[in-house]
Amino acid sequence: MIDFTSNIKSIENENLFTKIFNFIKLIDFEGFIWIAAIIYLAFFVNPYEAHFTICPLSNLGFEHCPGCGLGNSIALIFRGQFSQSFNTHILGIPALLIILHRIFAIINFNLRKFKPQ
């Protein structure tokens, strides 16, 4: 007797792997880096606590590093604290919009590039 369930499961797994591979092709490496950075800022950065950093200005003792302030500003946006975000770094909101625009531009470009003719 033929076991159709194992064939169906292998086809489903193949479809899953194909979907994952197509998604990776769609976002590209740069898009993956931007998405990972946004996820990190949204869920793992607490702008009110000191944390490990590789920032040379922070490690030299400067309290107001522009790059760290920008990251903290974006983290505050994800917490809904827009005025505090603006006070932390004035370019936090525009930077987040630019990053999101870049992610969508990469996806749009790759959709056109990999579109079947």
PDB file of N, CA and C in Angstrom:
ATOM      1  N   MET A   1       0.842  -1.179   0.000  1.00  0.00           N
ATOM      2  CA  MET A   1       0.000   0.000   0.000  1.00  0.00           C
ATOM      3  C   MET A   1       0.889   1.246   0.000  1.00  0.00           C
ATOM      4  N   ILE A   2       0.482   2.258  -0.700  1.00  0.00           N
ATOM      5  CA  ILE A   2       1.249   3.496  -0.828  1.00  0.00           C
ATOM      6  C   ILE A   2       0.871   4.443   0.308  1.00  0.00           C
ATOM      7  N   ASP A   3       1.907   5.034   0.918  1.00  0.00           N
ATOM      8  CA  ASP A   3       1.683   5.980   2.020  1.00  0.00           C
ATOM      9  C   ASP A   3       1.657   7.406   1.450  1.00  0.00           C
ATOM     10  N   PHE A   4       0.450   7.930   1.273  1.00  0.00           N
ATOM     11  CA  PHE A   4       0.301   9.265   0.698  1.00  0.00           C
ATOM     12  C   PHE A   4       0.582  10.371   1.704  1.00  0.00           C
ATOM     13  N   THR A   5       0.409  10.097   2.994  1.00  0.00           N
ATOM     14  CA  THR A   5       0.601  11.146   4.004  1.00  0.00           C
ATOM     15  C   THR A   5       2.047  11.607   4.069  1.00  0.00           C
ATOM     16  N   SER A   6       2.998  10.701   3.930  1.00  0.00           N
ATOM     17  CA  SER A   6       4.403  11.121   3.951  1.00  0.00           C
ATOM     18  C   SER A   6       4.726  11.958   2.719  1.00  0.00           C
ATOM     19  N   ASN A   7       4.130  11.617   1.578  1.00  0.00           N
ATOM     20  CA  ASN A   7       4.347  12.424   0.370  1.00  0.00           C
ATOM     21  C   ASN A   7       3.757  13.813   0.520  1.00  0.00           C
ATOM     22  N   ILE A   8       2.584  13.897   1.131  1.00  0.00           N
ATOM     23  CA  ILE A   8       1.942  15.200   1.340  1.00  0.00           C
ATOM     24  C   ILE A   8       2.759  16.044   2.293  1.00  0.00           C
ATOM     25  N   LYS A   9       3.267  15.429   3.375  1.00  0.00           N
ATOM     26  CA  LYS A   9       4.085  16.170   4.333  1.00  0.00           C
ATOM     27  C   LYS A   9       5.367  16.662   3.681  1.00  0.00           C
ATOM     28  N   SER A  10       5.993  15.858   2.842  1.00  0.00           N
ATOM     29  CA  SER A  10       7.222  16.301   2.179  1.00  0.00           C
ATOM     30  C   SER A  10       6.923  17.437   1.205  1.00  0.00           C
ATOM     31  N   ILE A  11       5.774  17.390   0.546  1.00  0.00           N
ATOM     32  CA  ILE A  11       5.386  18.478  -0.355  1.00  0.00           C
ATOM     33  C   ILE A  11       5.108  19.744   0.437  1.00  0.00           C
ATOM     34  N   GLU A  12       4.424  19.611   1.600  1.00  0.00           N
ATOM     35  CA  GLU A  12       4.161  20.779   2.441  1.00  0.00           C
ATOM     36  C   GLU A  12       5.455  21.386   2.952  1.00  0.00           C
ATOM     37  N   ASN A  13       6.418  20.537   3.378  1.00  0.00           N
ATOM     38  CA  ASN A  13       7.708  21.039   3.836  1.00  0.00           C
ATOM     39  C   ASN A  13       8.464  21.707   2.699  1.00  0.00           C
ATOM     40  N   GLU A  14       8.379  21.136   1.522  1.00  0.00           N
ATOM     41  CA  GLU A  14       9.041  21.727   0.367  1.00  0.00           C
ATOM     42  C   GLU A  14       8.433  23.090   0.058  1.00  0.00           C
ATOM     43  N   ASN A  15       7.114  23.182   0.145  1.00  0.00           N
ATOM     44  CA  ASN A  15       6.469  24.467  -0.079  1.00  0.00           C
ATOM     45  C   ASN A  15       6.883  25.481   0.977  1.00  0.00           C
ATOM     46  N   LEU A  16       7.006  25.036   2.238  1.00  0.00           N
ATOM     47  CA  LEU A  16       7.428  25.922   3.310  1.00  0.00           C
ATOM     48  C   LEU A  16       8.839  26.434   3.056  1.00  0.00           C
ATOM     49  N   PHE A  17       9.751  25.515   2.693  1.00  0.00           N
ATOM     50  CA  PHE A  17      11.122  25.932   2.414  1.00  0.00           C
ATOM     51  C   PHE A  17      11.189  26.846   1.198  1.00  0.00           C
ATOM     52  N   THR A  18      10.366  26.575   0.203  1.00  0.00           N
ATOM     53  CA  THR A  18      10.323  27.437  -0.976  1.00  0.00           C
ATOM     54  C   THR A  18       9.805  28.821  -0.606  1.00  0.00           C
ATOM     55  N   LYS A  19       8.790  28.877   0.243  1.00  0.00           N
ATOM     56  CA  LYS A  19       8.259  30.166   0.675  1.00  0.00           C
ATOM     57  C   LYS A  19       9.289  30.946   1.478  1.00  0.00           C
ATOM     58  N   ILE A  20       9.992  30.250   2.383  1.00  0.00           N
ATOM     59  CA  ILE A  20      11.028  30.915   3.171  1.00  0.00           C
ATOM     60  C   ILE A  20      12.145  31.431   2.265  1.00  0.00           C
ATOM     61  N   PHE A  21      12.586  30.605   1.317  1.00  0.00           N
ATOM     62  CA  PHE A  21      13.636  31.020   0.390  1.00  0.00           C
ATOM     63  C   PHE A  21      13.189  32.207  -0.453  1.00  0.00           C
ATOM     64  N   ASN A  22      11.953  32.182  -0.928  1.00  0.00           N
ATOM     65  CA  ASN A  22      11.441  33.303  -1.724  1.00  0.00           C
ATOM     66  C   ASN A  22      11.341  34.578  -0.886  1.00  0.00           C
ATOM     67  N   PHE A  23      10.972  34.446   0.405  1.00  0.00           N
ATOM     68  CA  PHE A  23      10.918  35.616   1.282  1.00  0.00           C
ATOM     69  C   PHE A  23      12.308  36.193   1.497  1.00  0.00           C
ATOM     70  N   ILE A  24      13.298  35.328   1.686  1.00  0.00           N
ATOM     71  CA  ILE A  24      14.679  35.800   1.868  1.00  0.00           C
ATOM     72  C   ILE A  24      15.160  36.499   0.597  1.00  0.00           C
ATOM     73  N   LYS A  25      14.827  35.953  -0.563  1.00  0.00           N
ATOM     74  CA  LYS A  25      15.190  36.621  -1.818  1.00  0.00           C
ATOM     75  C   LYS A  25      14.492  37.964  -1.931  1.00  0.00           C
ATOM     76  N   LEU A  26      13.274  38.034  -1.430  1.00  0.00           N
ATOM     77  CA  LEU A  26      12.486  39.249  -1.545  1.00  0.00           C
ATOM     78  C   LEU A  26      13.047  40.384  -0.699  1.00  0.00           C
ATOM     79  N   ILE A  27      13.465  40.096   0.534  1.00  0.00           N
ATOM     80  CA  ILE A  27      13.947  41.177   1.398  1.00  0.00           C
ATOM     81  C   ILE A  27      15.425  41.460   1.218  1.00  0.00           C
ATOM     82  N   ASP A  28      16.178  40.513   0.655  1.00  0.00           N
ATOM     83  CA  ASP A  28      17.598  40.708   0.383  1.00  0.00           C
ATOM     84  C   ASP A  28      18.374  40.865   1.702  1.00  0.00           C
ATOM     85  N   PHE A  29      19.680  40.880   1.634  1.00  0.00           N
ATOM     86  CA  PHE A  29      20.504  40.960   2.839  1.00  0.00           C
ATOM     87  C   PHE A  29      20.356  42.314   3.528  1.00  0.00           C
ATOM     88  N   GLU A  30      20.345  43.387   2.748  1.00  0.00           N
ATOM     89  CA  GLU A  30      20.216  44.726   3.339  1.00  0.00           C
ATOM     90  C   GLU A  30      18.880  44.886   4.051  1.00  0.00           C
ATOM     91  N   GLY A  31      17.817  44.415   3.438  1.00  0.00           N
ATOM     92  CA  GLY A  31      16.509  44.478   4.070  1.00  0.00           C
ATOM     93  C   GLY A  31      16.463  43.669   5.349  1.00  0.00           C
ATOM     94  N   PHE A  32      17.140  42.510   5.349  1.00  0.00           N
ATOM     95  CA  PHE A  32      17.196  41.690   6.557  1.00  0.00           C
ATOM     96  C   PHE A  32      17.894  42.440   7.686  1.00  0.00           C
ATOM     97  N   ILE A  33      18.990  43.124   7.380  1.00  0.00           N
ATOM     98  CA  ILE A  33      19.723  43.879   8.395  1.00  0.00           C
ATOM     99  C   ILE A  33      18.849  44.998   8.959  1.00  0.00           C
ATOM    100  N   TRP A  34      18.149  45.743   8.093  1.00  0.00           N
ATOM    101  CA  TRP A  34      17.289  46.839   8.566  1.00  0.00           C
ATOM    102  C   TRP A  34      16.142  46.310   9.421  1.00  0.00           C
ATOM    103  N   ILE A  35      15.524  45.224   8.990  1.00  0.00           N
ATOM    104  CA  ILE A  35      14.413  44.642   9.756  1.00  0.00           C
ATOM    105  C   ILE A  35      14.903  44.146  11.109  1.00  0.00           C
ATOM    106  N   ALA A  36      16.067  43.496  11.133  1.00  0.00           N
ATOM    107  CA  ALA A  36      16.631  43.015  12.396  1.00  0.00           C
ATOM    108  C   ALA A  36      16.949  44.186  13.329  1.00  0.00           C
ATOM    109  N   ALA A  37      17.456  45.281  12.775  1.00  0.00           N
ATOM    110  CA  ALA A  37      17.767  46.452  13.601  1.00  0.00           C
ATOM    111  C   ALA A  37      16.499  47.057  14.191  1.00  0.00           C
ATOM    112  N   ILE A  38      15.446  47.139  13.407  1.00  0.00           N
ATOM    113  CA  ILE A  38      14.191  47.693  13.907  1.00  0.00           C
ATOM    114  C   ILE A  38      13.593  46.793  14.986  1.00  0.00           C
ATOM    115  N   ILE A  39      13.640  45.483  14.768  1.00  0.00           N
ATOM    116  CA  ILE A  39      13.131  44.548  15.782  1.00  0.00           C
ATOM    117  C   ILE A  39      13.943  44.678  17.061  1.00  0.00           C
ATOM    118  N   TYR A  40      15.261  44.795  16.933  1.00  0.00           N
ATOM    119  CA  TYR A  40      16.117  44.962  18.113  1.00  0.00           C
ATOM    120  C   TYR A  40      15.758  46.231  18.874  1.00  0.00           C
ATOM    121  N   LEU A  41      15.601  47.344  18.158  1.00  0.00           N
ATOM    122  CA  LEU A  41      15.261  48.603  18.814  1.00  0.00           C
ATOM    123  C   LEU A  41      13.868  48.567  19.423  1.00  0.00           C
ATOM    124  N   ALA A  42      12.951  47.869  18.775  1.00  0.00           N
ATOM    125  CA  ALA A  42      11.574  47.839  19.263  1.00  0.00           C
ATOM    126  C   ALA A  42      11.409  46.976  20.506  1.00  0.00           C
ATOM    127  N   PHE A  43      12.118  45.865  20.578  1.00  0.00           N
ATOM    128  CA  PHE A  43      11.840  44.910  21.644  1.00  0.00           C
ATOM    129  C   PHE A  43      12.956  44.733  22.675  1.00  0.00           C
ATOM    130  N   PHE A  44      14.188  45.064  22.331  1.00  0.00           N
ATOM    131  CA  PHE A  44      15.285  44.706  23.219  1.00  0.00           C
ATOM    132  C   PHE A  44      16.037  45.891  23.815  1.00  0.00           C
ATOM    133  N   VAL A  45      15.834  47.092  23.327  1.00  0.00           N
ATOM    134  CA  VAL A  45      16.547  48.259  23.841  1.00  0.00           C
ATOM    135  C   VAL A  45      15.670  48.980  24.852  1.00  0.00           C
ATOM    136  N   ASN A  46      16.210  49.173  26.029  1.00  0.00           N
ATOM    137  CA  ASN A  46      15.547  49.993  27.027  1.00  0.00           C
ATOM    138  C   ASN A  46      16.317  51.321  27.084  1.00  0.00           C
ATOM    139  N   PRO A  47      15.732  52.395  26.570  1.00  0.00           N
ATOM    140  CA  PRO A  47      16.467  53.657  26.488  1.00  0.00           C
ATOM    141  C   PRO A  47      16.768  54.286  27.847  1.00  0.00           C
ATOM    142  N   TYR A  48      16.176  53.769  28.900  1.00  0.00           N
ATOM    143  CA  TYR A  48      16.381  54.346  30.227  1.00  0.00           C
ATOM    144  C   TYR A  48      17.491  53.654  31.008  1.00  0.00           C
ATOM    145  N   GLU A  49      18.021  52.567  30.488  1.00  0.00           N
ATOM    146  CA  GLU A  49      19.057  51.831  31.185  1.00  0.00           C
ATOM    147  C   GLU A  49      20.370  51.888  30.402  1.00  0.00           C
ATOM    148  N   ALA A  50      21.469  51.856  31.130  1.00  0.00           N
ATOM    149  CA  ALA A  50      22.767  51.733  30.490  1.00  0.00           C
ATOM    150  C   ALA A  50      22.953  50.270  30.086  1.00  0.00           C
ATOM    151  N   HIS A  51      23.533  50.047  28.937  1.00  0.00           N
ATOM    152  CA  HIS A  51      23.731  48.694  28.450  1.00  0.00           C
ATOM    153  C   HIS A  51      25.081  48.611  27.747  1.00  0.00           C
ATOM    154  N   PHE A  52      25.486  47.394  27.423  1.00  0.00           N
ATOM    155  CA  PHE A  52      26.743  47.191  26.721  1.00  0.00           C
ATOM    156  C   PHE A  52      26.672  47.869  25.361  1.00  0.00           C
ATOM    157  N   THR A  53      27.740  48.534  24.981  1.00  0.00           N
ATOM    158  CA  THR A  53      27.778  49.203  23.695  1.00  0.00           C
ATOM    159  C   THR A  53      29.178  49.124  23.111  1.00  0.00           C
ATOM    160  N   ILE A  54      29.247  49.147  21.803  1.00  0.00           N
ATOM    161  CA  ILE A  54      30.534  49.216  21.131  1.00  0.00           C
ATOM    162  C   ILE A  54      30.800  50.629  20.613  1.00  0.00           C
ATOM    163  N   CYS A  55      29.940  51.560  20.991  1.00  0.00           N
ATOM    164  CA  CYS A  55      30.060  52.944  20.551  1.00  0.00           C
ATOM    165  C   CYS A  55      31.327  53.563  21.155  1.00  0.00           C
ATOM    166  N   PRO A  56      32.224  54.074  20.316  1.00  0.00           N
ATOM    167  CA  PRO A  56      33.464  54.644  20.852  1.00  0.00           C
ATOM    168  C   PRO A  56      33.230  55.908  21.678  1.00  0.00           C
ATOM    169  N   LEU A  57      32.257  56.720  21.309  1.00  0.00           N
ATOM    170  CA  LEU A  57      31.996  57.944  22.075  1.00  0.00           C
ATOM    171  C   LEU A  57      31.454  57.627  23.462  1.00  0.00           C
ATOM    172  N   SER A  58      30.543  56.667  23.540  1.00  0.00           N
ATOM    173  CA  SER A  58      30.013  56.279  24.852  1.00  0.00           C
ATOM    174  C   SER A  58      31.092  55.638  25.710  1.00  0.00           C
ATOM    175  N   ASN A  59      31.943  54.835  25.093  1.00  0.00           N
ATOM    176  CA  ASN A  59      33.011  54.181  25.844  1.00  0.00           C
ATOM    177  C   ASN A  59      34.087  55.166  26.300  1.00  0.00           C
ATOM    178  N   LEU A  60      34.197  56.310  25.624  1.00  0.00           N
ATOM    179  CA  LEU A  60      35.145  57.335  26.054  1.00  0.00           C
ATOM    180  C   LEU A  60      34.563  58.237  27.135  1.00  0.00           C
ATOM    181  N   GLY A  61      33.283  58.074  27.452  1.00  0.00           N
ATOM    182  CA  GLY A  61      32.689  58.811  28.551  1.00  0.00           C
ATOM    183  C   GLY A  61      31.767  59.947  28.136  1.00  0.00           C
ATOM    184  N   PHE A  62      31.566  60.144  26.837  1.00  0.00           N
ATOM    185  CA  PHE A  62      30.626  61.176  26.398  1.00  0.00           C
ATOM    186  C   PHE A  62      29.208  60.717  26.708  1.00  0.00           C
ATOM    187  N   GLU A  63      28.435  61.580  27.322  1.00  0.00           N
ATOM    188  CA  GLU A  63      27.083  61.190  27.716  1.00  0.00           C
ATOM    189  C   GLU A  63      26.074  61.300  26.582  1.00  0.00           C
ATOM    190  N   HIS A  64      26.292  62.172  25.644  1.00  0.00           N
ATOM    191  CA  HIS A  64      25.304  62.421  24.594  1.00  0.00           C
ATOM    192  C   HIS A  64      25.895  62.099  23.230  1.00  0.00           C
ATOM    193  N   CYS A  65      25.928  60.820  22.905  1.00  0.00           N
ATOM    194  CA  CYS A  65      26.386  60.377  21.590  1.00  0.00           C
ATOM    195  C   CYS A  65      25.223  60.521  20.608  1.00  0.00           C
ATOM    196  N   PRO A  66      25.440  61.139  19.447  1.00  0.00           N
ATOM    197  CA  PRO A  66      24.336  61.300  18.491  1.00  0.00           C
ATOM    198  C   PRO A  66      23.774  59.973  17.984  1.00  0.00           C
ATOM    199  N   GLY A  67      24.634  58.989  17.755  1.00  0.00           N
ATOM    200  CA  GLY A  67      24.158  57.695  17.269  1.00  0.00           C
ATOM    201  C   GLY A  67      23.352  56.946  18.313  1.00  0.00           C
ATOM    202  N   CYS A  68      23.842  56.945  19.549  1.00  0.00           N
ATOM    203  CA  CYS A  68      23.109  56.277  20.629  1.00  0.00           C
ATOM    204  C   CYS A  68      21.782  56.992  20.887  1.00  0.00           C
ATOM    205  N   GLY A  69      21.803  58.299  20.795  1.00  0.00           N
ATOM    206  CA  GLY A  69      20.572  59.066  20.977  1.00  0.00           C
ATOM    207  C   GLY A  69      19.549  58.744  19.902  1.00  0.00           C
ATOM    208  N   LEU A  70      20.019  58.524  18.682  1.00  0.00           N
ATOM    209  CA  LEU A  70      19.117  58.172  17.591  1.00  0.00           C
ATOM    210  C   LEU A  70      18.486  56.800  17.832  1.00  0.00           C
ATOM    211  N   GLY A  71      19.287  55.840  18.268  1.00  0.00           N
ATOM    212  CA  GLY A  71      18.742  54.516  18.591  1.00  0.00           C
ATOM    213  C   GLY A  71      17.756  54.572  19.732  1.00  0.00           C
ATOM    214  N   ASN A  72      18.087  55.326  20.773  1.00  0.00           N
ATOM    215  CA  ASN A  72      17.158  55.471  21.894  1.00  0.00           C
ATOM    216  C   ASN A  72      15.881  56.186  21.465  1.00  0.00           C
ATOM    217  N   SER A  73      16.013  57.151  20.573  1.00  0.00           N
ATOM    218  CA  SER A  73      14.844  57.876  20.077  1.00  0.00           C
ATOM    219  C   SER A  73      13.902  56.936  19.325  1.00  0.00           C
ATOM    220  N   ILE A  74      14.457  56.064  18.488  1.00  0.00           N
ATOM    221  CA  ILE A  74      13.634  55.109  17.749  1.00  0.00           C
ATOM    222  C   ILE A  74      13.000  54.102  18.707  1.00  0.00           C
ATOM    223  N   ALA A  75      13.745  53.677  19.722  1.00  0.00           N
ATOM    224  CA  ALA A  75      13.178  52.758  20.727  1.00  0.00           C
ATOM    225  C   ALA A  75      12.009  53.412  21.459  1.00  0.00           C
ATOM    226  N   LEU A  76      12.113  54.703  21.741  1.00  0.00           N
ATOM    227  CA  LEU A  76      11.017  55.417  22.407  1.00  0.00           C
ATOM    228  C   LEU A  76       9.793  55.552  21.504  1.00  0.00           C
ATOM    229  N   ILE A  77      10.007  55.675  20.203  1.00  0.00           N
ATOM    230  CA  ILE A  77       8.879  55.742  19.258  1.00  0.00           C
ATOM    231  C   ILE A  77       8.053  54.459  19.354  1.00  0.00           C
ATOM    232  N   PHE A  78       8.731  53.307  19.420  1.00  0.00           N
ATOM    233  CA  PHE A  78       8.022  52.033  19.508  1.00  0.00           C
ATOM    234  C   PHE A  78       7.296  51.870  20.831  1.00  0.00           C
ATOM    235  N   ARG A  79       7.653  52.634  21.823  1.00  0.00           N
ATOM    236  CA  ARG A  79       6.949  52.602  23.106  1.00  0.00           C
ATOM    237  C   ARG A  79       5.841  53.656  23.165  1.00  0.00           C
ATOM    238  N   GLY A  80       5.680  54.411  22.080  1.00  0.00           N
ATOM    239  CA  GLY A  80       4.615  55.399  22.010  1.00  0.00           C
ATOM    240  C   GLY A  80       4.934  56.712  22.691  1.00  0.00           C
ATOM    241  N   GLN A  81       6.179  56.938  23.042  1.00  0.00           N
ATOM    242  CA  GLN A  81       6.585  58.164  23.733  1.00  0.00           C
ATOM    243  C   GLN A  81       7.223  59.118  22.716  1.00  0.00           C
ATOM    244  N   PHE A  82       6.374  59.746  21.914  1.00  0.00           N
ATOM    245  CA  PHE A  82       6.850  60.555  20.803  1.00  0.00           C
ATOM    246  C   PHE A  82       7.531  61.843  21.259  1.00  0.00           C
ATOM    247  N   SER A  83       7.005  62.511  22.264  1.00  0.00           N
ATOM    248  CA  SER A  83       7.634  63.752  22.718  1.00  0.00           C
ATOM    249  C   SER A  83       8.993  63.471  23.364  1.00  0.00           C
ATOM    250  N   GLN A  84       9.086  62.398  24.134  1.00  0.00           N
ATOM    251  CA  GLN A  84      10.374  62.014  24.724  1.00  0.00           C
ATOM    252  C   GLN A  84      11.354  61.606  23.624  1.00  0.00           C
ATOM    253  N   SER A  85      10.854  60.938  22.585  1.00  0.00           N
ATOM    254  CA  SER A  85      11.685  60.571  21.442  1.00  0.00           C
ATOM    255  C   SER A  85      12.237  61.811  20.762  1.00  0.00           C
ATOM    256  N   PHE A  86      11.388  62.807  20.566  1.00  0.00           N
ATOM    257  CA  PHE A  86      11.810  64.061  19.937  1.00  0.00           C
ATOM    258  C   PHE A  86      12.841  64.779  20.806  1.00  0.00           C
ATOM    259  N   ASN A  87      12.660  64.730  22.121  1.00  0.00           N
ATOM    260  CA  ASN A  87      13.616  65.373  23.019  1.00  0.00           C
ATOM    261  C   ASN A  87      14.950  64.626  23.062  1.00  0.00           C
ATOM    262  N   THR A  88      14.918  63.315  22.883  1.00  0.00           N
ATOM    263  CA  THR A  88      16.150  62.530  22.897  1.00  0.00           C
ATOM    264  C   THR A  88      16.985  62.805  21.653  1.00  0.00           C
ATOM    265  N   HIS A  89      16.354  62.775  20.487  1.00  0.00           N
ATOM    266  CA  HIS A  89      17.040  63.094  19.234  1.00  0.00           C
ATOM    267  C   HIS A  89      16.002  63.601  18.250  1.00  0.00           C
ATOM    268  N   ILE A  90      16.258  64.756  17.700  1.00  0.00           N
ATOM    269  CA  ILE A  90      15.281  65.408  16.834  1.00  0.00           C
ATOM    270  C   ILE A  90      15.044  64.628  15.531  1.00  0.00           C
ATOM    271  N   LEU A  91      16.015  63.815  15.119  1.00  0.00           N
ATOM    272  CA  LEU A  91      15.888  63.093  13.852  1.00  0.00           C
ATOM    273  C   LEU A  91      15.413  61.648  14.014  1.00  0.00           C
ATOM    274  N   GLY A  92      14.920  61.269  15.184  1.00  0.00           N
ATOM    275  CA  GLY A  92      14.478  59.903  15.416  1.00  0.00           C
ATOM    276  C   GLY A  92      13.307  59.502  14.535  1.00  0.00           C
ATOM    277  N   ILE A  93      12.288  60.333  14.483  1.00  0.00           N
ATOM    278  CA  ILE A  93      11.102  60.026  13.669  1.00  0.00           C
ATOM    279  C   ILE A  93      11.441  60.024  12.180  1.00  0.00           C
ATOM    280  N   PRO A  94      12.152  61.052  11.665  1.00  0.00           N
ATOM    281  CA  PRO A  94      12.532  60.981  10.248  1.00  0.00           C
ATOM    282  C   PRO A  94      13.432  59.787   9.924  1.00  0.00           C
ATOM    283  N   ALA A  95      14.331  59.425  10.831  1.00  0.00           N
ATOM    284  CA  ALA A  95      15.213  58.279  10.585  1.00  0.00           C
ATOM    285  C   ALA A  95      14.413  56.990  10.477  1.00  0.00           C
ATOM    286  N   LEU A  96      13.437  56.799  11.356  1.00  0.00           N
ATOM    287  CA  LEU A  96      12.600  55.604  11.295  1.00  0.00           C
ATOM    288  C   LEU A  96      11.802  55.568   9.987  1.00  0.00           C
ATOM    289  N   LEU A  97      11.272  56.702   9.577  1.00  0.00           N
ATOM    290  CA  LEU A  97      10.528  56.756   8.310  1.00  0.00           C
ATOM    291  C   LEU A  97      11.435  56.445   7.119  1.00  0.00           C
ATOM    292  N   ILE A  98      12.652  56.935   7.149  1.00  0.00           N
ATOM    293  CA  ILE A  98      13.605  56.663   6.067  1.00  0.00           C
ATOM    294  C   ILE A  98      13.962  55.181   6.028  1.00  0.00           C
ATOM    295  N   ILE A  99      14.180  54.577   7.185  1.00  0.00           N
ATOM    296  CA  ILE A  99      14.507  53.150   7.239  1.00  0.00           C
ATOM    297  C   ILE A  99      13.338  52.312   6.725  1.00  0.00           C
ATOM    298  N   LEU A 100      12.130  52.639   7.148  1.00  0.00           N
ATOM    299  CA  LEU A 100      10.952  51.905   6.656  1.00  0.00           C
ATOM    300  C   LEU A 100      10.777  52.083   5.153  1.00  0.00           C
ATOM    301  N   HIS A 101      11.003  53.293   4.659  1.00  0.00           N
ATOM    302  CA  HIS A 101      10.934  53.531   3.214  1.00  0.00           C
ATOM    303  C   HIS A 101      11.964  52.693   2.474  1.00  0.00           C
ATOM    304  N   ARG A 102      13.174  52.590   3.036  1.00  0.00           N
ATOM    305  CA  ARG A 102      14.224  51.804   2.395  1.00  0.00           C
ATOM    306  C   ARG A 102      13.842  50.325   2.344  1.00  0.00           C
ATOM    307  N   ILE A 103      13.263  49.812   3.411  1.00  0.00           N
ATOM    308  CA  ILE A 103      12.844  48.406   3.421  1.00  0.00           C
ATOM    309  C   ILE A 103      11.799  48.160   2.340  1.00  0.00           C
ATOM    310  N   PHE A 104      10.802  49.036   2.245  1.00  0.00           N
ATOM    311  CA  PHE A 104       9.767  48.859   1.226  1.00  0.00           C
ATOM    312  C   PHE A 104      10.324  49.061  -0.182  1.00  0.00           C
ATOM    313  N   ALA A 105      11.313  49.927  -0.351  1.00  0.00           N
ATOM    314  CA  ALA A 105      11.942  50.110  -1.660  1.00  0.00           C
ATOM    315  C   ALA A 105      12.698  48.849  -2.079  1.00  0.00           C
ATOM    316  N   ILE A 106      13.375  48.218  -1.143  1.00  0.00           N
ATOM    317  CA  ILE A 106      14.089  46.972  -1.447  1.00  0.00           C
ATOM    318  C   ILE A 106      13.101  45.892  -1.855  1.00  0.00           C
ATOM    319  N   ILE A 107      12.016  45.754  -1.088  1.00  0.00           N
ATOM    320  CA  ILE A 107      11.017  44.734  -1.405  1.00  0.00           C
ATOM    321  C   ILE A 107      10.372  45.018  -2.753  1.00  0.00           C
ATOM    322  N   ASN A 108      10.030  46.260  -3.018  1.00  0.00           N
ATOM    323  CA  ASN A 108       9.418  46.632  -4.299  1.00  0.00           C
ATOM    324  C   ASN A 108      10.366  46.348  -5.455  1.00  0.00           C
ATOM    325  N   PHE A 109      11.647  46.695  -5.300  1.00  0.00           N
ATOM    326  CA  PHE A 109      12.631  46.443  -6.346  1.00  0.00           C
ATOM    327  C   PHE A 109      12.754  44.952  -6.623  1.00  0.00           C
ATOM    328  N   ASN A 110      12.837  44.154  -5.548  1.00  0.00           N
ATOM    329  CA  ASN A 110      12.987  42.709  -5.726  1.00  0.00           C
ATOM    330  C   ASN A 110      11.724  42.058  -6.269  1.00  0.00           C
ATOM    331  N   LEU A 111      10.559  42.609  -5.955  1.00  0.00           N
ATOM    332  CA  LEU A 111       9.327  42.088  -6.549  1.00  0.00           C
ATOM    333  C   LEU A 111       9.345  42.279  -8.064  1.00  0.00           C
ATOM    334  N   ARG A 112       9.839  43.405  -8.503  1.00  0.00           N
ATOM    335  CA  ARG A 112       9.918  43.655  -9.961  1.00  0.00           C
ATOM    336  C   ARG A 112      11.009  42.815 -10.607  1.00  0.00           C
ATOM    337  N   LYS A 113      12.114  42.619  -9.884  1.00  0.00           N
ATOM    338  CA  LYS A 113      13.249  41.872 -10.446  1.00  0.00           C
ATOM    339  C   LYS A 113      12.940  40.391 -10.577  1.00  0.00           C
ATOM    340  N   PHE A 114      12.280  39.799  -9.584  1.00  0.00           N
ATOM    341  CA  PHE A 114      12.010  38.367  -9.595  1.00  0.00           C
ATOM    342  C   PHE A 114      10.644  38.013 -10.146  1.00  0.00           C
ATOM    343  N   LYS A 115       9.936  38.989 -10.683  1.00  0.00           N
ATOM    344  CA  LYS A 115       8.603  38.764 -11.223  1.00  0.00           C
ATOM    345  C   LYS A 115       8.707  37.885 -12.477  1.00  0.00           C
ATOM    346  N   PRO A 116       7.922  36.820 -12.522  1.00  0.00           N
ATOM    347  CA  PRO A 116       7.981  35.961 -13.729  1.00  0.00           C
ATOM    348  C   PRO A 116       7.444  36.711 -14.934  1.00  0.00           C
ATOM    349  N   GLN A 117       8.110  36.536 -16.055  1.00  0.00           N
ATOM    350  CA  GLN A 117       7.727  37.232 -17.285  1.00  0.00           C
ATOM    351  C   GLN A 117       6.631  36.489 -18.009  1.00  0.00           C
TER     352      GLN A 117
END
